[in-house]
N, C-alpha and C. Protein backbone atom coordinates (compact mmCIF):
# COMPACT_ATOMS: atom_id res chain seq x y z
N MET A 1 108.11 116.41 70.49
CA MET A 1 108.06 115.93 71.86
C MET A 1 109.01 116.76 72.71
N ILE A 2 108.71 116.78 73.97
CA ILE A 2 109.54 117.50 74.93
C ILE A 2 110.21 116.50 75.85
N ARG A 3 111.49 116.65 76.01
CA ARG A 3 112.24 115.77 76.91
C ARG A 3 112.04 116.28 78.34
N THR A 4 111.74 115.37 79.24
CA THR A 4 111.58 115.73 80.64
C THR A 4 112.18 114.64 81.51
N GLN A 5 112.42 114.98 82.74
CA GLN A 5 113.02 114.02 83.66
C GLN A 5 112.12 113.91 84.89
N ILE A 6 111.87 112.68 85.31
CA ILE A 6 111.09 112.45 86.52
C ILE A 6 111.86 111.50 87.43
N ILE A 7 111.55 111.55 88.68
CA ILE A 7 112.15 110.63 89.64
C ILE A 7 111.09 109.64 90.07
N LEU A 8 111.38 108.37 89.86
CA LEU A 8 110.46 107.29 90.20
C LEU A 8 110.97 106.56 91.44
N ARG A 9 110.02 106.01 92.16
CA ARG A 9 110.42 105.09 93.21
C ARG A 9 111.03 103.86 92.55
N GLU A 10 111.85 103.16 93.26
CA GLU A 10 112.52 101.98 92.70
C GLU A 10 111.51 100.94 92.23
N ASP A 11 110.45 100.72 93.02
CA ASP A 11 109.44 99.72 92.65
C ASP A 11 108.67 100.15 91.40
N GLN A 12 108.40 101.43 91.26
CA GLN A 12 107.72 101.92 90.05
C GLN A 12 108.58 101.66 88.82
N HIS A 13 109.84 102.01 88.92
CA HIS A 13 110.75 101.83 87.79
C HIS A 13 110.84 100.35 87.41
N TYR A 14 110.99 99.51 88.40
CA TYR A 14 111.10 98.08 88.15
C TYR A 14 109.85 97.55 87.42
N GLN A 15 108.68 97.92 87.92
CA GLN A 15 107.44 97.44 87.31
C GLN A 15 107.28 97.95 85.89
N LEU A 16 107.60 99.21 85.67
CA LEU A 16 107.47 99.77 84.33
C LEU A 16 108.45 99.11 83.36
N VAL A 17 109.67 98.88 83.80
CA VAL A 17 110.66 98.22 82.95
C VAL A 17 110.20 96.81 82.60
N GLU A 18 109.64 96.10 83.57
CA GLU A 18 109.14 94.75 83.32
C GLU A 18 108.00 94.74 82.30
N ILE A 19 107.06 95.65 82.46
CA ILE A 19 105.94 95.73 81.51
C ILE A 19 106.45 96.07 80.12
N ALA A 20 107.33 97.05 80.03
CA ALA A 20 107.88 97.45 78.73
C ALA A 20 108.62 96.28 78.09
N ARG A 21 109.40 95.55 78.87
CA ARG A 21 110.15 94.41 78.33
C ARG A 21 109.19 93.34 77.81
N LYS A 22 108.14 93.04 78.58
CA LYS A 22 107.18 92.01 78.16
C LYS A 22 106.43 92.40 76.90
N GLN A 23 106.24 93.71 76.71
CA GLN A 23 105.51 94.19 75.54
C GLN A 23 106.45 94.61 74.41
N ASN A 24 107.74 94.40 74.64
CA ASN A 24 108.75 94.75 73.64
C ASN A 24 108.64 96.21 73.22
N ARG A 25 108.56 97.07 74.23
CA ARG A 25 108.40 98.50 74.01
C ARG A 25 109.44 99.25 74.83
N SER A 26 109.62 100.50 74.49
CA SER A 26 110.51 101.33 75.29
C SER A 26 109.79 101.79 76.55
N LEU A 27 110.57 102.08 77.56
CA LEU A 27 110.02 102.61 78.80
C LEU A 27 109.31 103.93 78.54
N SER A 28 109.90 104.77 77.71
CA SER A 28 109.30 106.08 77.40
C SER A 28 107.94 105.93 76.73
N ASP A 29 107.84 105.00 75.79
CA ASP A 29 106.58 104.78 75.10
C ASP A 29 105.51 104.31 76.08
N LEU A 30 105.88 103.41 76.96
CA LEU A 30 104.94 102.90 77.95
C LEU A 30 104.47 104.01 78.89
N VAL A 31 105.38 104.82 79.37
CA VAL A 31 105.03 105.91 80.28
C VAL A 31 104.12 106.91 79.58
N ARG A 32 104.41 107.23 78.32
CA ARG A 32 103.53 108.14 77.57
C ARG A 32 102.12 107.57 77.45
N GLU A 33 102.01 106.26 77.18
CA GLU A 33 100.69 105.64 77.09
C GLU A 33 99.95 105.72 78.43
N PHE A 34 100.63 105.39 79.52
CA PHE A 34 100.01 105.46 80.84
C PHE A 34 99.56 106.88 81.16
N LEU A 35 100.39 107.85 80.82
CA LEU A 35 100.02 109.25 81.06
C LEU A 35 98.81 109.65 80.23
N ASP A 36 98.78 109.25 78.97
CA ASP A 36 97.62 109.55 78.12
C ASP A 36 96.34 108.99 78.71
N GLU A 37 96.40 107.76 79.19
CA GLU A 37 95.22 107.13 79.78
C GLU A 37 94.76 107.88 81.02
N GLN A 38 95.69 108.27 81.87
CA GLN A 38 95.31 108.98 83.08
C GLN A 38 94.83 110.40 82.79
N LEU A 39 95.40 111.04 81.78
CA LEU A 39 94.91 112.37 81.39
C LEU A 39 93.49 112.29 80.87
N HIS A 40 93.17 111.23 80.14
CA HIS A 40 91.81 111.03 79.65
C HIS A 40 90.84 110.84 80.83
N VAL A 41 91.23 110.01 81.79
CA VAL A 41 90.41 109.79 82.98
C VAL A 41 90.22 111.09 83.74
N TYR A 42 91.27 111.86 83.89
CA TYR A 42 91.21 113.13 84.62
C TYR A 42 90.25 114.11 83.93
N LYS A 43 90.37 114.24 82.61
CA LYS A 43 89.49 115.15 81.87
C LYS A 43 88.03 114.72 81.96
N LYS A 44 87.80 113.43 81.85
CA LYS A 44 86.43 112.91 81.95
C LYS A 44 85.85 113.19 83.33
N ARG A 45 86.65 113.01 84.37
CA ARG A 45 86.21 113.28 85.74
C ARG A 45 85.91 114.77 85.92
N GLN A 46 86.74 115.63 85.36
CA GLN A 46 86.52 117.07 85.47
C GLN A 46 85.22 117.47 84.79
N LEU A 47 84.96 116.94 83.60
CA LEU A 47 83.72 117.24 82.88
C LEU A 47 82.50 116.73 83.65
N SER A 48 82.62 115.56 84.22
CA SER A 48 81.52 114.99 85.00
C SER A 48 81.22 115.85 86.23
N GLN A 49 82.26 116.31 86.90
CA GLN A 49 82.06 117.15 88.07
C GLN A 49 81.43 118.49 87.69
N ALA A 50 81.86 119.06 86.57
CA ALA A 50 81.28 120.33 86.12
C ALA A 50 79.81 120.14 85.76
N ALA A 51 79.49 119.05 85.08
CA ALA A 51 78.10 118.78 84.71
C ALA A 51 77.23 118.59 85.95
N GLU A 52 77.76 117.89 86.93
CA GLU A 52 77.00 117.66 88.16
C GLU A 52 76.74 118.97 88.91
N GLN A 53 77.72 119.87 88.89
CA GLN A 53 77.55 121.15 89.55
C GLN A 53 76.48 122.00 88.86
N LEU A 54 76.35 121.84 87.55
CA LEU A 54 75.37 122.61 86.79
C LEU A 54 73.99 121.96 86.77
N ARG A 55 73.95 120.67 87.06
CA ARG A 55 72.70 119.91 86.95
C ARG A 55 71.55 120.53 87.75
N GLN A 56 71.81 120.87 88.98
CA GLN A 56 70.73 121.42 89.81
C GLN A 56 70.20 122.73 89.25
N ASP A 57 71.08 123.56 88.68
CA ASP A 57 70.62 124.79 88.05
C ASP A 57 69.64 124.49 86.92
N TYR A 58 69.96 123.49 86.11
CA TYR A 58 69.06 123.13 85.01
C TYR A 58 67.73 122.59 85.51
N LEU A 59 67.77 121.85 86.60
CA LEU A 59 66.54 121.29 87.13
C LEU A 59 65.67 122.35 87.79
N ASP A 60 66.29 123.34 88.41
CA ASP A 60 65.56 124.36 89.17
C ASP A 60 65.15 125.59 88.37
N ASN A 61 65.85 125.88 87.31
CA ASN A 61 65.63 127.12 86.57
C ASN A 61 64.88 126.82 85.28
N GLY A 62 63.60 127.14 85.26
CA GLY A 62 62.76 126.88 84.09
C GLY A 62 63.22 127.59 82.84
N GLU A 63 63.84 128.74 82.98
CA GLU A 63 64.33 129.46 81.81
C GLU A 63 65.44 128.69 81.10
N LEU A 64 66.24 127.96 81.85
CA LEU A 64 67.32 127.20 81.24
C LEU A 64 66.81 126.00 80.47
N THR A 65 65.65 125.48 80.86
CA THR A 65 65.13 124.29 80.19
C THR A 65 63.95 124.59 79.27
N ALA A 66 63.62 125.86 79.08
CA ALA A 66 62.45 126.22 78.27
C ALA A 66 62.57 125.71 76.84
N LEU A 67 63.72 125.87 76.22
CA LEU A 67 63.88 125.41 74.84
C LEU A 67 63.79 123.90 74.73
N SER A 68 64.25 123.21 75.72
CA SER A 68 64.15 121.76 75.71
C SER A 68 62.69 121.33 75.74
N ALA A 69 61.88 122.02 76.51
CA ALA A 69 60.47 121.67 76.60
C ALA A 69 59.76 121.89 75.27
N LEU A 70 60.24 122.82 74.48
CA LEU A 70 59.61 123.08 73.18
C LEU A 70 59.75 121.90 72.23
N ASN A 71 60.90 121.23 72.27
CA ASN A 71 61.05 120.13 71.33
C ASN A 71 60.88 118.76 72.01
N GLY A 72 60.48 118.76 73.28
CA GLY A 72 60.14 117.53 73.96
C GLY A 72 61.30 116.71 74.48
N ASP A 73 62.49 117.27 74.53
CA ASP A 73 63.65 116.57 75.03
C ASP A 73 63.90 116.93 76.48
N PRO A 74 63.55 116.08 77.44
CA PRO A 74 63.77 116.41 78.85
C PRO A 74 65.26 116.44 79.18
N LEU A 75 65.65 117.34 80.07
CA LEU A 75 67.04 117.44 80.48
C LEU A 75 67.34 116.64 81.72
N ASP A 76 66.33 116.15 82.39
CA ASP A 76 66.61 115.34 83.58
C ASP A 76 66.12 113.92 83.35
N GLU A 77 66.58 113.03 84.19
CA GLU A 77 66.24 111.63 84.00
C GLU A 77 64.82 111.30 84.37
N THR A 78 64.09 112.23 85.00
CA THR A 78 62.71 111.96 85.38
C THR A 78 61.73 112.20 84.24
N GLY A 79 62.13 113.02 83.26
CA GLY A 79 61.21 113.41 82.20
C GLY A 79 61.14 112.45 81.12
């Protein structure tokens, strides 16, 4: 692990300390869990945005979907 320092607003610190106390956990452990959850959400959002940007290319370009048509698996929700 890497030690790092962050500056929190007073209300953020208070809320995190309260949650950690109620769950009988360290503040560091709680912050790591919250960060992991948000990193997962961020990565999922990035992948979704990339897929959406490519979607129209797949729908418009027959060469990109030619192999899919061979085995009967449509790439769009209309097929």
